[in-house]
Amino acid sequence: MSQSAPALAPVRFDDDAQAKLSALRRTKFIAAAALALCILVFALAKSFQAAYPWLGFVAAFAEAATIGGIADWYAVVALFRRPLGLPIPHTAIIPENQHRIADNLGRFIEANFLAPEPVREKLAEVDFAALVADWLADAERAAGLSRFVARLVPQTLTAVEQSGLRDFVTSRMLEQIEKVPLAPLAADLLSALTDDRRHQKLFDEFTRVVGRFLNDEQALATMREKIREELPSLFNLFRADAYLLKKIVASAGSLLDEVRADPDHPMRAEFDRFALGFIERLRTSKQYARRAEKLKRDFLGRPEVRALAGDAWASLRLFIEQDVNAPSSTIREHLANMFVEAGRHLAADAQIRADMNQGFVVALASFVESQKSGVSTFIADQVKRWDLAQLTRLIETNIGKDLQYIRFNGMIIGGLAGLALYTAERLFLVN
């Protein structure tokens, strides 16, 4: 079966085109009336020239104007159709050359409108960053954008999980953690803790906890039970003299109170030396480094740790899905606030806007450069597919009114030329 030709694309005429078409018809009518008037004047002038010789000048003007008007009518009509329907060569120029016009139009637009420099210059005139900033800074638009983004979150999480990206990221994170030397990292963290003597605050909290433990009767009973299990002979001694145990506990509690009350207590200095020495050993001791690495490997190798990542992901996903579907979503609220703040910050920072605009220009110019041949081909194909009669009508509607003035000019110029020739004839050739 033969394949049918594609349907011709219709040419759309909007209200402006209809107004132009009406103006064209009026101008055509006036031009035709002017030509008819020239013919009428020529006929009348010739008829009465014998009685009124001066009418010869009028007849000469009208005759030449008629010839000029007819010639220019032919020239204008020949652009769009065959004059009087006669198969005269080199007429109906536009309809006969539709494909060539389409190709030339596409190449012309590609070469002159989509050339790199004009495109970059035009794009550079647009402050894209300011438009983005104004758009984001509008609270209503930011809220709408946050709702749109929030709707994408569950699908994104599902895609991440189904693609195996979650397991890949988890494995990569654990691999990277395994590569980090633990001992130097721990030394840096502890060193930061000692910079403003925060370790002494931890020491105070430790003495406070121990003091509460020593003042707790239930805790003391537990301690006595442990002594009975681990050191029966010592337990029998304390049971024989419970007062001794209480004195030991009271003395320990009193010592802890003294340490907390005195910033310069010797035990604090001893704790400082211990902390700094431990930090130094973490940094320099190979033995400490090996122990830390073994501890890290043992910890990361436990199934519970790897399961923890999956549990954290599941909990995070559940929270996000519940929140984004809630009427009052915390995530949507934070997103909207973030967009508004980003818009305000962008509006206030000229350097960021300049960088963004440069990026827009480069990206859009590159896109236009890569697609301009396709645009040229698209324009040419569209023009080729237009209905021939409608295409002719479209072009005539847009430029036909101006072309009609060629007819007026032809009548005037022709008439003046004819009058000049007639006058010269009368002056120089007639004795």
Foldseek 3Di string as FASTA:
>chain_A
DDDDDDAFDADDADPVLVVLQVLLVVLVVVLVVVLVVLVVLLVVLVVCCVVPVVSVLVNLLSVQLNVLLVVLVCVLQQCQAHVVNDPDPSGNVCLVCLLVVLLVVLVCCLVPVLDLPNLLVVLLVDLVLLVLLVQLQPLVSLLVVLLVVLVCVLVVLVCCVVVCVLVVVLVVVLVVVLPDQDLLVVLVVLVVCPPVDVVVVVVLVVLVVLLVLLVDPVSVVVVLVVCCVPPVVVSVVCVVPVVVVNVVSVVSSVVSVVPNVDVPDVVVVVVVVVSVVSSVCSVPPPVNSVVRSVVSCVVSPDPVNSVVSVVVSVVVSVVSVVQSPDPHHPSSVVSSVVSSVVSVVSVVDPVVSVVVSVVVSVVVSVVSVVCSSVSSVVSSVSSVSHDSNSSSSSVCSVCVSVSSVSSVVSSNVSSVVSSVVVVCCVVPVPD
